[in-house]
Amino acid sequence: MSGIDWPALMRAGLEGLRLTPDQFWRLTPAELRLMLGQGAGQAPLNRSGLDALMAAWPDRREDESDE
């Protein structure tokens, strides 16, 4: 099992948000969460978060030159 409560999600989307089935199934999980008000209180990325992302995912390796 996926652990996703599909009946509850479908009720929230179809009944609560009044989406059509086609609209519901075209949504990404992130879009559905946003529409349901989840994650809305998440803080924006700050400088330390950006620095951590840049360190984890650099544009180039340290052994590469600029040219």
C-alpha atoms as a PDB file:
ATOM      1  CA  MET A   1       0.000   0.000   0.000  1.00  0.00           C
ATOM      2  CA  SER A   2       1.116   3.557  -0.661  1.00  0.00           C
ATOM      3  CA  GLY A   3       0.037   4.975   2.688  1.00  0.00           C
ATOM      4  CA  ILE A   4      -1.946   7.719   0.941  1.00  0.00           C
ATOM      5  CA  ASP A   5      -5.516   8.195   2.113  1.00  0.00           C
ATOM      6  CA  TRP A   6      -7.036   8.530  -1.351  1.00  0.00           C
ATOM      7  CA  PRO A   7     -10.672   8.659  -0.193  1.00  0.00           C
ATOM      8  CA  ALA A   8      -9.889  11.599   2.104  1.00  0.00           C
ATOM      9  CA  LEU A   9      -7.888  13.393  -0.588  1.00  0.00           C
ATOM     10  CA  MET A  10     -10.622  12.871  -3.137  1.00  0.00           C
ATOM     11  CA  ARG A  11     -13.275  14.134  -0.690  1.00  0.00           C
ATOM     12  CA  ALA A  12     -11.157  17.216   0.011  1.00  0.00           C
ATOM     13  CA  GLY A  13     -10.586  17.898  -3.673  1.00  0.00           C
ATOM     14  CA  LEU A  14     -13.955  16.989  -5.128  1.00  0.00           C
ATOM     15  CA  GLU A  15     -16.259  18.060  -2.321  1.00  0.00           C
ATOM     16  CA  GLY A  16     -14.222  20.600  -0.398  1.00  0.00           C
ATOM     17  CA  LEU A  17     -12.516  22.386  -3.285  1.00  0.00           C
ATOM     18  CA  ARG A  18     -15.304  21.584  -5.783  1.00  0.00           C
ATOM     19  CA  LEU A  19     -12.844  20.303  -8.381  1.00  0.00           C
ATOM     20  CA  THR A  20     -13.982  18.137 -11.255  1.00  0.00           C
ATOM     21  CA  PRO A  21     -12.418  14.674 -11.375  1.00  0.00           C
ATOM     22  CA  ASP A  22     -10.305  15.783 -14.348  1.00  0.00           C
ATOM     23  CA  GLN A  23      -9.030  18.833 -12.450  1.00  0.00           C
ATOM     24  CA  PHE A  24      -8.268  16.727  -9.377  1.00  0.00           C
ATOM     25  CA  TRP A  25      -6.217  14.109 -11.235  1.00  0.00           C
ATOM     26  CA  ARG A  26      -4.243  16.744 -13.165  1.00  0.00           C
ATOM     27  CA  LEU A  27      -2.974  18.373  -9.963  1.00  0.00           C
ATOM     28  CA  THR A  28       0.470  17.631  -8.655  1.00  0.00           C
ATOM     29  CA  PRO A  29       0.693  16.691  -4.970  1.00  0.00           C
ATOM     30  CA  ALA A  30       2.318  20.070  -4.279  1.00  0.00           C
ATOM     31  CA  GLU A  31      -0.536  21.934  -5.983  1.00  0.00           C
ATOM     32  CA  LEU A  32      -3.143  19.976  -4.044  1.00  0.00           C
ATOM     33  CA  ARG A  33      -1.349  20.644  -0.749  1.00  0.00           C
ATOM     34  CA  LEU A  34      -1.216  24.367  -1.537  1.00  0.00           C
ATOM     35  CA  MET A  35      -4.900  24.467  -2.441  1.00  0.00           C
ATOM     36  CA  LEU A  36      -5.749  22.675   0.803  1.00  0.00           C
ATOM     37  CA  GLY A  37      -3.732  25.220   2.786  1.00  0.00           C
ATOM     38  CA  GLN A  38      -0.997  22.822   3.835  1.00  0.00           C
ATOM     39  CA  GLY A  39       2.545  24.138   3.907  1.00  0.00           C
ATOM     40  CA  ALA A  40       1.317  27.709   3.562  1.00  0.00           C
ATOM     41  CA  GLY A  41       3.141  28.643   6.758  1.00  0.00           C
ATOM     42  CA  GLN A  42       6.482  27.418   5.476  1.00  0.00           C
ATOM     43  CA  ALA A  43       9.182  30.073   5.734  1.00  0.00           C
ATOM     44  CA  PRO A  44      10.846  31.274   2.545  1.00  0.00           C
ATOM     45  CA  LEU A  45      14.375  30.187   1.755  1.00  0.00           C
ATOM     46  CA  ASN A  46      16.909  32.308   3.643  1.00  0.00           C
ATOM     47  CA  ARG A  47      20.626  32.831   3.005  1.00  0.00           C
ATOM     48  CA  SER A  48      21.770  29.925   5.169  1.00  0.00           C
ATOM     49  CA  GLY A  49      19.329  27.633   3.377  1.00  0.00           C
ATOM     50  CA  LEU A  50      20.607  28.831   0.008  1.00  0.00           C
ATOM     51  CA  ASP A  51      24.212  28.297   1.124  1.00  0.00           C
ATOM     52  CA  ALA A  52      23.353  24.743   2.198  1.00  0.00           C
ATOM     53  CA  LEU A  53      21.709  24.027  -1.163  1.00  0.00           C
ATOM     54  CA  MET A  54      24.670  25.480  -3.045  1.00  0.00           C
ATOM     55  CA  ALA A  55      27.077  23.336  -1.031  1.00  0.00           C
ATOM     56  CA  ALA A  56      25.009  20.206  -1.630  1.00  0.00           C
ATOM     57  CA  TRP A  57      24.400  20.879  -5.336  1.00  0.00           C
ATOM     58  CA  PRO A  58      27.269  22.991  -6.733  1.00  0.00           C
ATOM     59  CA  ASP A  59      27.111  24.243 -10.314  1.00  0.00           C
ATOM     60  CA  ARG A  60      30.522  22.679 -10.922  1.00  0.00           C
ATOM     61  CA  ARG A  61      32.992  20.519  -9.104  1.00  0.00           C
ATOM     62  CA  GLU A  62      35.822  22.139  -7.160  1.00  0.00           C
ATOM     63  CA  ASP A  63      38.429  20.594  -9.495  1.00  0.00           C
ATOM     64  CA  GLU A  64      36.910  22.296 -12.581  1.00  0.00           C
ATOM     65  CA  SER A  65      38.235  25.643 -13.765  1.00  0.00           C
ATOM     66  CA  ASP A  66      36.172  28.653 -14.828  1.00  0.00           C
ATOM     67  CA  GLU A  67      37.186  28.151 -18.478  1.00  0.00           C
END
